[in-house]
Structures are given as structure tokens and as C-alpha cells.
Amino acid sequence: MADIDEQTRIELEAAAFRTLLHHLMEKRPDVQNIDLMNLGGFCRNCLSRWYQEAANAKGIEMGKDEAREIIYGMPYADWVARNQTEASDDKKAAFEKSFAENVGSAPKA
């Protein structure tokens, strides 16, 4: 492994994170959160929650809506209106299982 100092490591991680956000926002907004969760065990909402939790841990007051806007690049409701499609019953069932395994008890519809 390359000998990388702490600051450079942080900068590289930040760059990779920004690239991931760009990819999800600009290149692949068609990829549904339910598919991300079912295949990877996380979705854009998870990323926004992790971002919010990290901000809060640093003493930065940030709510769910503000964190989602950072991750989605727009208000969440706008992203849903532009990009979200109706999921099949099979995908919804797989989501319930994946969410419970990766996040906790499944959200109520």
C-alpha cells in the first residue's frame, strides 16, 4: 500500500465521495434507491443519513432534509418527482429484507 499521510488520505476519500455523488446525481439518476438497497445494502438516503450523523457528531446542526439535499443535489421531493419510479412487489419485498438486515427494522409504508 502506498505511504499516504493522513491529510492526503482524507482528501482522496473526499474526492472519491464527491465522484460517487456525481455519479449518482448526474450519470445514473435512473438507478433507483430500492435497487441500490436491494443489491448493495445502502442507498442515497443512507448516504444522507451518514452525512447528517457525521455533521452532528462534529457539532454541526443538520437536519434530514438538509442532508438529503446535499446528497441528491436538489430537494428530495424534486428528485423523487423527476427520477423515482414505482417499484414492483418483488422489489418491495426484497427491500424490506435488505433494509432490516442493513439498517434496522423496515420502515412503514
PDB file of N, CA and C in Angstrom:
ATOM      1  N   MET A   1       0.844  -1.189   0.000  1.00  0.00           N
ATOM      2  CA  MET A   1       0.000   0.000   0.000  1.00  0.00           C
ATOM      3  C   MET A   1       0.885   1.247   0.000  1.00  0.00           C
ATOM      4  N   ALA A   2       0.466   2.242  -0.724  1.00  0.00           N
ATOM      5  CA  ALA A   2       1.236   3.483  -0.815  1.00  0.00           C
ATOM      6  C   ALA A   2       1.325   4.154   0.546  1.00  0.00           C
ATOM      7  N   ASP A   3       2.442   4.809   0.784  1.00  0.00           N
ATOM      8  CA  ASP A   3       2.642   5.552   2.022  1.00  0.00           C
ATOM      9  C   ASP A   3       1.973   6.918   1.861  1.00  0.00           C
ATOM     10  N   ILE A   4       0.785   7.058   2.434  1.00  0.00           N
ATOM     11  CA  ILE A   4      -0.008   8.277   2.275  1.00  0.00           C
ATOM     12  C   ILE A   4      -0.217   8.902   3.647  1.00  0.00           C
ATOM     13  N   ASP A   5       0.045  10.203   3.740  1.00  0.00           N
ATOM     14  CA  ASP A   5      -0.172  10.888   5.013  1.00  0.00           C
ATOM     15  C   ASP A   5      -1.676  11.063   5.265  1.00  0.00           C
ATOM     16  N   GLU A   6      -2.020  11.336   6.494  1.00  0.00           N
ATOM     17  CA  GLU A   6      -3.425  11.419   6.923  1.00  0.00           C
ATOM     18  C   GLU A   6      -4.223  12.448   6.118  1.00  0.00           C
ATOM     19  N   GLN A   7      -3.675  13.642   5.923  1.00  0.00           N
ATOM     20  CA  GLN A   7      -4.398  14.685   5.189  1.00  0.00           C
ATOM     21  C   GLN A   7      -4.650  14.275   3.749  1.00  0.00           C
ATOM     22  N   THR A   8      -3.666  13.679   3.114  1.00  0.00           N
ATOM     23  CA  THR A   8      -3.842  13.220   1.736  1.00  0.00           C
ATOM     24  C   THR A   8      -4.883  12.118   1.678  1.00  0.00           C
ATOM     25  N   ARG A   9      -4.877  11.206   2.627  1.00  0.00           N
ATOM     26  CA  ARG A   9      -5.883  10.138   2.678  1.00  0.00           C
ATOM     27  C   ARG A   9      -7.285  10.739   2.766  1.00  0.00           C
ATOM     28  N   ILE A  10      -7.455  11.722   3.640  1.00  0.00           N
ATOM     29  CA  ILE A  10      -8.755  12.390   3.798  1.00  0.00           C
ATOM     30  C   ILE A  10      -9.173  13.049   2.485  1.00  0.00           C
ATOM     31  N   GLU A  11      -8.244  13.710   1.824  1.00  0.00           N
ATOM     32  CA  GLU A  11      -8.548  14.373   0.552  1.00  0.00           C
ATOM     33  C   GLU A  11      -8.919  13.367  -0.527  1.00  0.00           C
ATOM     34  N   LEU A  12      -8.233  12.242  -0.564  1.00  0.00           N
ATOM     35  CA  LEU A  12      -8.559  11.198  -1.543  1.00  0.00           C
ATOM     36  C   LEU A  12      -9.938  10.600  -1.261  1.00  0.00           C
ATOM     37  N   GLU A  13     -10.230  10.355   0.006  1.00  0.00           N
ATOM     38  CA  GLU A  13     -11.551   9.823   0.363  1.00  0.00           C
ATOM     39  C   GLU A  13     -12.646  10.821  -0.009  1.00  0.00           C
ATOM     40  N   ALA A  14     -12.401  12.096   0.246  1.00  0.00           N
ATOM     41  CA  ALA A  14     -13.383  13.133  -0.104  1.00  0.00           C
ATOM     42  C   ALA A  14     -13.595  13.192  -1.611  1.00  0.00           C
ATOM     43  N   ALA A  15     -12.520  13.081  -2.375  1.00  0.00           N
ATOM     44  CA  ALA A  15     -12.630  13.094  -3.833  1.00  0.00           C
ATOM     45  C   ALA A  15     -13.433  11.896  -4.325  1.00  0.00           C
ATOM     46  N   ALA A  16     -13.169  10.732  -3.752  1.00  0.00           N
ATOM     47  CA  ALA A  16     -13.924   9.531  -4.142  1.00  0.00           C
ATOM     48  C   ALA A  16     -15.403   9.697  -3.798  1.00  0.00           C
ATOM     49  N   PHE A  17     -15.701  10.274  -2.643  1.00  0.00           N
ATOM     50  CA  PHE A  17     -17.091  10.503  -2.230  1.00  0.00           C
ATOM     51  C   PHE A  17     -17.775  11.481  -3.187  1.00  0.00           C
ATOM     52  N   ARG A  18     -17.087  12.561  -3.536  1.00  0.00           N
ATOM     53  CA  ARG A  18     -17.676  13.529  -4.483  1.00  0.00           C
ATOM     54  C   ARG A  18     -17.943  12.871  -5.835  1.00  0.00           C
ATOM     55  N   THR A  19     -17.052  11.993  -6.265  1.00  0.00           N
ATOM     56  CA  THR A  19     -17.247  11.281  -7.530  1.00  0.00           C
ATOM     57  C   THR A  19     -18.450  10.355  -7.441  1.00  0.00           C
ATOM     58  N   LEU A  20     -18.607   9.677  -6.316  1.00  0.00           N
ATOM     59  CA  LEU A  20     -19.779   8.820  -6.109  1.00  0.00           C
ATOM     60  C   LEU A  20     -21.059   9.652  -6.181  1.00  0.00           C
ATOM     61  N   LEU A  21     -21.092  10.798  -5.498  1.00  0.00           N
ATOM     62  CA  LEU A  21     -22.283  11.650  -5.545  1.00  0.00           C
ATOM     63  C   LEU A  21     -22.565  12.120  -6.972  1.00  0.00           C
ATOM     64  N   HIS A  22     -21.535  12.553  -7.681  1.00  0.00           N
ATOM     65  CA  HIS A  22     -21.711  12.991  -9.064  1.00  0.00           C
ATOM     66  C   HIS A  22     -22.270  11.845  -9.916  1.00  0.00           C
ATOM     67  N   HIS A  23     -21.727  10.680  -9.725  1.00  0.00           N
ATOM     68  CA  HIS A  23     -22.186   9.515 -10.476  1.00  0.00           C
ATOM     69  C   HIS A  23     -23.677   9.255 -10.218  1.00  0.00           C
ATOM     70  N   LEU A  24     -24.074   9.272  -8.946  1.00  0.00           N
ATOM     71  CA  LEU A  24     -25.476   9.002  -8.603  1.00  0.00           C
ATOM     72  C   LEU A  24     -26.406  10.139  -9.020  1.00  0.00           C
ATOM     73  N   MET A  25     -25.920  11.384  -8.959  1.00  0.00           N
ATOM     74  CA  MET A  25     -26.767  12.538  -9.288  1.00  0.00           C
ATOM     75  C   MET A  25     -26.853  12.794 -10.793  1.00  0.00           C
ATOM     76  N   GLU A  26     -25.704  12.735 -11.449  1.00  0.00           N
ATOM     77  CA  GLU A  26     -25.639  13.178 -12.837  1.00  0.00           C
ATOM     78  C   GLU A  26     -25.640  12.040 -13.856  1.00  0.00           C
ATOM     79  N   LYS A  27     -24.852  11.028 -13.594  1.00  0.00           N
ATOM     80  CA  LYS A  27     -24.715   9.954 -14.571  1.00  0.00           C
ATOM     81  C   LYS A  27     -25.789   8.884 -14.433  1.00  0.00           C
ATOM     82  N   ARG A  28     -26.206   8.583 -13.208  1.00  0.00           N
ATOM     83  CA  ARG A  28     -27.152   7.484 -13.009  1.00  0.00           C
ATOM     84  C   ARG A  28     -28.318   7.825 -12.086  1.00  0.00           C
ATOM     85  N   PRO A  29     -29.015   8.931 -12.326  1.00  0.00           N
ATOM     86  CA  PRO A  29     -30.196   9.206 -11.501  1.00  0.00           C
ATOM     87  C   PRO A  29     -31.303   8.182 -11.745  1.00  0.00           C
ATOM     88  N   ASP A  30     -31.170   7.402 -12.828  1.00  0.00           N
ATOM     89  CA  ASP A  30     -32.149   6.371 -13.155  1.00  0.00           C
ATOM     90  C   ASP A  30     -32.050   5.170 -12.217  1.00  0.00           C
ATOM     91  N   VAL A  31     -30.909   5.004 -11.572  1.00  0.00           N
ATOM     92  CA  VAL A  31     -30.758   3.876 -10.643  1.00  0.00           C
ATOM     93  C   VAL A  31     -31.582   4.189  -9.397  1.00  0.00           C
ATOM     94  N   GLN A  32     -32.541   3.343  -9.152  1.00  0.00           N
ATOM     95  CA  GLN A  32     -33.483   3.566  -8.065  1.00  0.00           C
ATOM     96  C   GLN A  32     -32.862   3.215  -6.709  1.00  0.00           C
ATOM     97  N   ASN A  33     -33.253   3.962  -5.683  1.00  0.00           N
ATOM     98  CA  ASN A  33     -32.774   3.681  -4.331  1.00  0.00           C
ATOM     99  C   ASN A  33     -33.098   2.250  -3.915  1.00  0.00           C
ATOM    100  N   ILE A  34     -34.255   1.770  -4.294  1.00  0.00           N
ATOM    101  CA  ILE A  34     -34.652   0.416  -3.903  1.00  0.00           C
ATOM    102  C   ILE A  34     -33.687  -0.613  -4.506  1.00  0.00           C
ATOM    103  N   ASP A  35     -33.207  -0.358  -5.728  1.00  0.00           N
ATOM    104  CA  ASP A  35     -32.240  -1.267  -6.346  1.00  0.00           C
ATOM    105  C   ASP A  35     -30.889  -1.189  -5.644  1.00  0.00           C
ATOM    106  N   LEU A  36     -30.457   0.026  -5.290  1.00  0.00           N
ATOM    107  CA  LEU A  36     -29.214   0.176  -4.532  1.00  0.00           C
ATOM    108  C   LEU A  36     -29.296  -0.587  -3.212  1.00  0.00           C
ATOM    109  N   MET A  37     -30.410  -0.424  -2.503  1.00  0.00           N
ATOM    110  CA  MET A  37     -30.570  -1.089  -1.208  1.00  0.00           C
ATOM    111  C   MET A  37     -30.625  -2.597  -1.384  1.00  0.00           C
ATOM    112  N   ASN A  38     -31.364  -3.054  -2.366  1.00  0.00           N
ATOM    113  CA  ASN A  38     -31.506  -4.495  -2.559  1.00  0.00           C
ATOM    114  C   ASN A  38     -30.190  -5.156  -2.965  1.00  0.00           C
ATOM    115  N   LEU A  39     -29.383  -4.459  -3.742  1.00  0.00           N
ATOM    116  CA  LEU A  39     -28.125  -5.040  -4.202  1.00  0.00           C
ATOM    117  C   LEU A  39     -26.942  -4.723  -3.289  1.00  0.00           C
ATOM    118  N   GLY A  40     -26.887  -3.500  -2.775  1.00  0.00           N
ATOM    119  CA  GLY A  40     -25.716  -3.072  -2.027  1.00  0.00           C
ATOM    120  C   GLY A  40     -25.913  -2.890  -0.536  1.00  0.00           C
ATOM    121  N   GLY A  41     -27.159  -2.899  -0.095  1.00  0.00           N
ATOM    122  CA  GLY A  41     -27.420  -2.720   1.324  1.00  0.00           C
ATOM    123  C   GLY A  41     -27.365  -1.270   1.785  1.00  0.00           C
ATOM    124  N   PHE A  42     -27.358  -0.328   0.832  1.00  0.00           N
ATOM    125  CA  PHE A  42     -27.417   1.094   1.151  1.00  0.00           C
ATOM    126  C   PHE A  42     -28.012   1.818  -0.050  1.00  0.00           C
ATOM    127  N   CYS A  43     -28.440   3.063   0.190  1.00  0.00           N
ATOM    128  CA  CYS A  43     -28.982   3.870  -0.899  1.00  0.00           C
ATOM    129  C   CYS A  43     -28.628   5.330  -0.651  1.00  0.00           C
ATOM    130  N   ARG A  44     -29.160   6.207  -1.463  1.00  0.00           N
ATOM    131  CA  ARG A  44     -28.891   7.637  -1.305  1.00  0.00           C
ATOM    132  C   ARG A  44     -29.362   8.131   0.060  1.00  0.00           C
ATOM    133  N   ASN A  45     -30.486   7.603   0.534  1.00  0.00           N
ATOM    134  CA  ASN A  45     -30.982   8.020   1.846  1.00  0.00           C
ATOM    135  C   ASN A  45     -30.009   7.610   2.949  1.00  0.00           C
ATOM    136  N   CYS A  46     -29.387   6.444   2.809  1.00  0.00           N
ATOM    137  CA  CYS A  46     -28.362   6.018   3.768  1.00  0.00           C
ATOM    138  C   CYS A  46     -27.193   6.990   3.742  1.00  0.00           C
ATOM    139  N   LEU A  47     -26.743   7.350   2.538  1.00  0.00           N
ATOM    140  CA  LEU A  47     -25.632   8.301   2.419  1.00  0.00           C
ATOM    141  C   LEU A  47     -25.981   9.623   3.097  1.00  0.00           C
ATOM    142  N   SER A  48     -27.210  10.092   2.895  1.00  0.00           N
ATOM    143  CA  SER A  48     -27.594  11.360   3.516  1.00  0.00           C
ATOM    144  C   SER A  48     -27.664  11.230   5.034  1.00  0.00           C
ATOM    145  N   ARG A  49     -28.120  10.090   5.524  1.00  0.00           N
ATOM    146  CA  ARG A  49     -28.161   9.872   6.983  1.00  0.00           C
ATOM    147  C   ARG A  49     -26.749   9.826   7.560  1.00  0.00           C
ATOM    148  N   TRP A  50     -25.844   9.129   6.873  1.00  0.00           N
ATOM    149  CA  TRP A  50     -24.450   9.060   7.338  1.00  0.00           C
ATOM    150  C   TRP A  50     -23.816  10.451   7.338  1.00  0.00           C
ATOM    151  N   TYR A  51     -24.110  11.240   6.320  1.00  0.00           N
ATOM    152  CA  TYR A  51     -23.592  12.598   6.219  1.00  0.00           C
ATOM    153  C   TYR A  51     -24.124  13.438   7.383  1.00  0.00           C
ATOM    154  N   GLN A  52     -25.410  13.347   7.629  1.00  0.00           N
ATOM    155  CA  GLN A  52     -26.039  14.082   8.724  1.00  0.00           C
ATOM    156  C   GLN A  52     -25.445  13.661  10.062  1.00  0.00           C
ATOM    157  N   GLU A  53     -25.298  12.371  10.278  1.00  0.00           N
ATOM    158  CA  GLU A  53     -24.732  11.877  11.536  1.00  0.00           C
ATOM    159  C   GLU A  53     -23.301  12.370  11.726  1.00  0.00           C
ATOM    160  N   ALA A  54     -22.507  12.398  10.655  1.00  0.00           N
ATOM    161  CA  ALA A  54     -21.125  12.885  10.743  1.00  0.00           C
ATOM    162  C   ALA A  54     -21.107  14.375  11.081  1.00  0.00           C
ATOM    163  N   ALA A  55     -22.002  15.139  10.444  1.00  0.00           N
ATOM    164  CA  ALA A  55     -22.086  16.575  10.741  1.00  0.00           C
ATOM    165  C   ALA A  55     -22.485  16.795  12.196  1.00  0.00           C
ATOM    166  N   ASN A  56     -23.510  16.090  12.631  1.00  0.00           N
ATOM    167  CA  ASN A  56     -23.978  16.230  14.004  1.00  0.00           C
ATOM    168  C   ASN A  56     -22.899  15.849  15.008  1.00  0.00           C
ATOM    169  N   ALA A  57     -22.115  14.807  14.705  1.00  0.00           N
ATOM    170  CA  ALA A  57     -21.026  14.375  15.584  1.00  0.00           C
ATOM    171  C   ALA A  57     -19.943  15.447  15.703  1.00  0.00           C
ATOM    172  N   LYS A  58     -19.836  16.298  14.679  1.00  0.00           N
ATOM    173  CA  LYS A  58     -18.870  17.406  14.691  1.00  0.00           C
ATOM    174  C   LYS A  58     -19.471  18.678  15.283  1.00  0.00           C
ATOM    175  N   GLY A  59     -20.708  18.577  15.805  1.00  0.00           N
ATOM    176  CA  GLY A  59     -21.363  19.737  16.391  1.00  0.00           C
ATOM    177  C   GLY A  59     -22.044  20.634  15.379  1.00  0.00           C
ATOM    178  N   ILE A  60     -22.200  20.154  14.156  1.00  0.00           N
ATOM    179  CA  ILE A  60     -22.873  20.920  13.104  1.00  0.00           C
ATOM    180  C   ILE A  60     -24.331  20.492  13.076  1.00  0.00           C
ATOM    181  N   GLU A  61     -25.218  21.448  13.334  1.00  0.00           N
ATOM    182  CA  GLU A  61     -26.642  21.124  13.302  1.00  0.00           C
ATOM    183  C   GLU A  61     -27.075  20.955  11.849  1.00  0.00           C
ATOM    184  N   MET A  62     -27.585  19.775  11.546  1.00  0.00           N
ATOM    185  CA  MET A  62     -28.044  19.480  10.192  1.00  0.00           C
ATOM    186  C   MET A  62     -29.221  18.523  10.300  1.00  0.00           C
ATOM    187  N   GLY A  63     -30.299  18.872   9.642  1.00  0.00           N
ATOM    188  CA  GLY A  63     -31.469  18.015   9.642  1.00  0.00           C
ATOM    189  C   GLY A  63     -31.472  17.067   8.455  1.00  0.00           C
ATOM    190  N   LYS A  64     -32.434  16.168   8.464  1.00  0.00           N
ATOM    191  CA  LYS A  64     -32.554  15.168   7.410  1.00  0.00           C
ATOM    192  C   LYS A  64     -32.752  15.806   6.041  1.00  0.00           C
ATOM    193  N   ASP A  65     -33.604  16.810   5.950  1.00  0.00           N
ATOM    194  CA  ASP A  65     -33.875  17.443   4.656  1.00  0.00           C
ATOM    195  C   ASP A  65     -32.635  18.124   4.093  1.00  0.00           C
ATOM    196  N   GLU A  66     -31.877  18.792   4.953  1.00  0.00           N
ATOM    197  CA  GLU A  66     -30.659  19.471   4.503  1.00  0.00           C
ATOM    198  C   GLU A  66     -29.628  18.459   4.012  1.00  0.00           C
ATOM    199  N   ALA A  67     -29.464  17.374   4.750  1.00  0.00           N
ATOM    200  CA  ALA A  67     -28.512  16.335   4.335  1.00  0.00           C
ATOM    201  C   ALA A  67     -28.951  15.692   3.028  1.00  0.00           C
ATOM    202  N   ARG A  68     -30.234  15.427   2.881  1.00  0.00           N
ATOM    203  CA  ARG A  68     -30.721  14.835   1.628  1.00  0.00           C
ATOM    204  C   ARG A  68     -30.481  15.760   0.450  1.00  0.00           C
ATOM    205  N   GLU A  69     -30.658  17.062   0.643  1.00  0.00           N
ATOM    206  CA  GLU A  69     -30.435  17.994  -0.459  1.00  0.00           C
ATOM    207  C   GLU A  69     -28.968  17.980  -0.893  1.00  0.00           C
ATOM    208  N   ILE A  70     -28.060  17.807   0.049  1.00  0.00           N
ATOM    209  CA  ILE A  70     -26.633  17.714  -0.286  1.00  0.00           C
ATOM    210  C   ILE A  70     -26.378  16.460  -1.120  1.00  0.00           C
ATOM    211  N   ILE A  71     -26.932  15.334  -0.711  1.00  0.00           N
ATOM    212  CA  ILE A  71     -26.689  14.063  -1.395  1.00  0.00           C
ATOM    213  C   ILE A  71     -27.416  13.994  -2.737  1.00  0.00           C
ATOM    214  N   TYR A  72     -28.636  14.495  -2.796  1.00  0.00           N
ATOM    215  CA  TYR A  72     -29.427  14.420  -4.025  1.00  0.00           C
ATOM    216  C   TYR A  72     -29.133  15.566  -4.993  1.00  0.00           C
ATOM    217  N   GLY A  73     -28.513  16.639  -4.490  1.00  0.00           N
ATOM    218  CA  GLY A  73     -28.219  17.784  -5.337  1.00  0.00           C
ATOM    219  C   GLY A  73     -29.438  18.649  -5.613  1.00  0.00           C
ATOM    220  N   MET A  74     -30.492  18.407  -4.886  1.00  0.00           N
ATOM    221  CA  MET A  74     -31.752  19.147  -5.022  1.00  0.00           C
ATOM    222  C   MET A  74     -32.651  18.710  -3.865  1.00  0.00           C
ATOM    223  N   PRO A  75     -33.741  19.427  -3.615  1.00  0.00           N
ATOM    224  CA  PRO A  75     -34.667  18.951  -2.587  1.00  0.00           C
ATOM    225  C   PRO A  75     -35.136  17.525  -2.908  1.00  0.00           C
ATOM    226  N   TYR A  76     -35.262  16.715  -1.881  1.00  0.00           N
ATOM    227  CA  TYR A  76     -35.628  15.309  -2.043  1.00  0.00           C
ATOM    228  C   TYR A  76     -36.914  15.145  -2.850  1.00  0.00           C
ATOM    229  N   ALA A  77     -37.925  15.954  -2.555  1.00  0.00           N
ATOM    230  CA  ALA A  77     -39.205  15.845  -3.269  1.00  0.00           C
ATOM    231  C   ALA A  77     -39.028  16.086  -4.767  1.00  0.00           C
ATOM    232  N   ASP A  78     -38.130  16.998  -5.125  1.00  0.00           N
ATOM    233  CA  ASP A  78     -37.865  17.255  -6.544  1.00  0.00           C
ATOM    234  C   ASP A  78     -37.213  16.037  -7.193  1.00  0.00           C
ATOM    235  N   TRP A  79     -36.249  15.430  -6.498  1.00  0.00           N
ATOM    236  CA  TRP A  79     -35.579  14.248  -7.044  1.00  0.00           C
ATOM    237  C   TRP A  79     -36.588  13.118  -7.245  1.00  0.00           C
ATOM    238  N   VAL A  80     -37.449  12.906  -6.253  1.00  0.00           N
ATOM    239  CA  VAL A  80     -38.459  11.845  -6.355  1.00  0.00           C
ATOM    240  C   VAL A  80     -39.360  12.103  -7.558  1.00  0.00           C
ATOM    241  N   ALA A  81     -39.816  13.337  -7.713  1.00  0.00           N
ATOM    242  CA  ALA A  81     -40.714  13.670  -8.828  1.00  0.00           C
ATOM    243  C   ALA A  81     -40.037  13.455 -10.184  1.00  0.00           C
ATOM    244  N   ARG A  82     -38.753  13.747 -10.279  1.00  0.00           N
ATOM    245  CA  ARG A  82     -38.028  13.611 -11.545  1.00  0.00           C
ATOM    246  C   ARG A  82     -37.584  12.186 -11.853  1.00  0.00           C
ATOM    247  N   ASN A  83     -37.222  11.436 -10.823  1.00  0.00           N
ATOM    248  CA  ASN A  83     -36.482  10.196 -11.053  1.00  0.00           C
ATOM    249  C   ASN A  83     -37.086   8.912 -10.504  1.00  0.00           C
ATOM    250  N   GLN A  84     -37.885   9.003  -9.468  1.00  0.00           N
ATOM    251  CA  GLN A  84     -38.338   7.765  -8.831  1.00  0.00           C
ATOM    252  C   GLN A  84     -39.484   7.135  -9.598  1.00  0.00           C
ATOM    253  N   THR A  85     -39.380   5.826  -9.769  1.00  0.00           N
ATOM    254  CA  THR A  85     -40.435   5.070 -10.428  1.00  0.00           C
ATOM    255  C   THR A  85     -41.070   4.119  -9.429  1.00  0.00           C
ATOM    256  N   GLU A  86     -42.230   3.619  -9.767  1.00  0.00           N
ATOM    257  CA  GLU A  86     -42.922   2.663  -8.897  1.00  0.00           C
ATOM    258  C   GLU A  86     -42.186   1.335  -8.913  1.00  0.00           C
ATOM    259  N   ALA A  87     -41.976   0.787  -7.732  1.00  0.00           N
ATOM    260  CA  ALA A  87     -41.270  -0.490  -7.609  1.00  0.00           C
ATOM    261  C   ALA A  87     -42.263  -1.646  -7.655  1.00  0.00           C
ATOM    262  N   SER A  88     -41.797  -2.762  -8.182  1.00  0.00           N
ATOM    263  CA  SER A  88     -42.634  -3.966  -8.230  1.00  0.00           C
ATOM    264  C   SER A  88     -42.796  -4.535  -6.816  1.00  0.00           C
ATOM    265  N   ASP A  89     -43.780  -5.374  -6.645  1.00  0.00           N
ATOM    266  CA  ASP A  89     -43.991  -6.023  -5.345  1.00  0.00           C
ATOM    267  C   ASP A  89     -42.784  -6.860  -4.947  1.00  0.00           C
ATOM    268  N   ASP A  90     -42.127  -7.509  -5.913  1.00  0.00           N
ATOM    269  CA  ASP A  90     -40.930  -8.299  -5.623  1.00  0.00           C
ATOM    270  C   ASP A  90     -39.805  -7.416  -5.098  1.00  0.00           C
ATOM    271  N   LYS A  91     -39.606  -6.255  -5.725  1.00  0.00           N
ATOM    272  CA  LYS A  91     -38.566  -5.336  -5.268  1.00  0.00           C
ATOM    273  C   LYS A  91     -38.888  -4.796  -3.876  1.00  0.00           C
ATOM    274  N   LYS A  92     -40.166  -4.527  -3.637  1.00  0.00           N
ATOM    275  CA  LYS A  92     -40.566  -4.024  -2.320  1.00  0.00           C
ATOM    276  C   LYS A  92     -40.311  -5.072  -1.237  1.00  0.00           C
ATOM    277  N   ALA A  93     -40.598  -6.307  -1.531  1.00  0.00           N
ATOM    278  CA  ALA A  93     -40.358  -7.388  -0.563  1.00  0.00           C
ATOM    279  C   ALA A  93     -38.861  -7.556  -0.315  1.00  0.00           C
ATOM    280  N   ALA A  94     -38.069  -7.501  -1.371  1.00  0.00           N
ATOM    281  CA  ALA A  94     -36.612  -7.607  -1.220  1.00  0.00           C
ATOM    282  C   ALA A  94     -36.076  -6.425  -0.425  1.00  0.00           C
ATOM    283  N   PHE A  95     -36.670  -5.250  -0.627  1.00  0.00           N
ATOM    284  CA  PHE A  95     -36.254  -4.064   0.108  1.00  0.00           C
ATOM    285  C   PHE A  95     -36.496  -4.235   1.603  1.00  0.00           C
ATOM    286  N   GLU A  96     -37.668  -4.725   1.961  1.00  0.00           N
ATOM    287  CA  GLU A  96     -37.980  -4.932   3.383  1.00  0.00           C
ATOM    288  C   GLU A  96     -36.908  -5.792   4.038  1.00  0.00           C
ATOM    289  N   LYS A  97     -36.510  -6.859   3.367  1.00  0.00           N
ATOM    290  CA  LYS A  97     -35.488  -7.766   3.895  1.00  0.00           C
ATOM    291  C   LYS A  97     -34.133  -7.071   3.971  1.00  0.00           C
ATOM    292  N   SER A  98     -33.725  -6.413   2.900  1.00  0.00           N
ATOM    293  CA  SER A  98     -32.425  -5.753   2.856  1.00  0.00           C
ATOM    294  C   SER A  98     -32.347  -4.618   3.868  1.00  0.00           C
ATOM    295  N   PHE A  99     -33.410  -3.835   3.972  1.00  0.00           N
ATOM    296  CA  PHE A  99     -33.428  -2.722   4.921  1.00  0.00           C
ATOM    297  C   PHE A  99     -33.282  -3.252   6.339  1.00  0.00           C
ATOM    298  N   ALA A 100     -34.034  -4.293   6.672  1.00  0.00           N
ATOM    299  CA  ALA A 100     -33.957  -4.874   8.017  1.00  0.00           C
ATOM    300  C   ALA A 100     -32.557  -5.407   8.310  1.00  0.00           C
ATOM    301  N   GLU A 101     -31.924  -6.028   7.327  1.00  0.00           N
ATOM    302  CA  GLU A 101     -30.585  -6.587   7.516  1.00  0.00           C
ATOM    303  C   GLU A 101     -29.502  -5.518   7.607  1.00  0.00           C
ATOM    304  N   ASN A 102     -29.663  -4.429   6.889  1.00  0.00           N
ATOM    305  CA  ASN A 102     -28.598  -3.434   6.784  1.00  0.00           C
ATOM    306  C   ASN A 102     -28.815  -2.162   7.603  1.00  0.00           C
ATOM    307  N   VAL A 103     -30.048  -1.834   7.879  1.00  0.00           N
ATOM    308  CA  VAL A 103     -30.344  -0.585   8.570  1.00  0.00           C
ATOM    309  C   VAL A 103     -31.020  -0.825   9.918  1.00  0.00           C
ATOM    310  N   GLY A 104     -31.977  -1.707   9.946  1.00  0.00           N
ATOM    311  CA  GLY A 104     -32.762  -1.968  11.153  1.00  0.00           C
ATOM    312  C   GLY A 104     -34.156  -2.366  10.736  1.00  0.00           C
ATOM    313  N   SER A 105     -35.099  -2.200  11.623  1.00  0.00           N
ATOM    314  CA  SER A 105     -36.462  -2.590  11.283  1.00  0.00           C
ATOM    315  C   SER A 105     -36.936  -1.781  10.069  1.00  0.00           C
ATOM    316  N   ALA A 106     -37.647  -2.442   9.201  1.00  0.00           N
ATOM    317  CA  ALA A 106     -38.080  -1.840   7.948  1.00  0.00           C
ATOM    318  C   ALA A 106     -39.054  -0.695   8.210  1.00  0.00           C
ATOM    319  N   PRO A 107     -38.972   0.349   7.394  1.00  0.00           N
ATOM    320  CA  PRO A 107     -39.884   1.490   7.560  1.00  0.00           C
ATOM    321  C   PRO A 107     -41.302   1.106   7.177  1.00  0.00           C
ATOM    322  N   LYS A 108     -42.242   1.761   7.780  1.00  0.00           N
ATOM    323  CA  LYS A 108     -43.648   1.540   7.450  1.00  0.00           C
ATOM    324  C   LYS A 108     -43.988   2.301   6.186  1.00  0.00           C
ATOM    325  N   ALA A 109     -44.751   1.673   5.311  1.00  0.00           N
ATOM    326  CA  ALA A 109     -45.117   2.293   4.032  1.00  0.00           C
ATOM    327  C   ALA A 109     -46.081   3.444   4.244  1.00  0.00           C
TER     328      ALA A 109
END
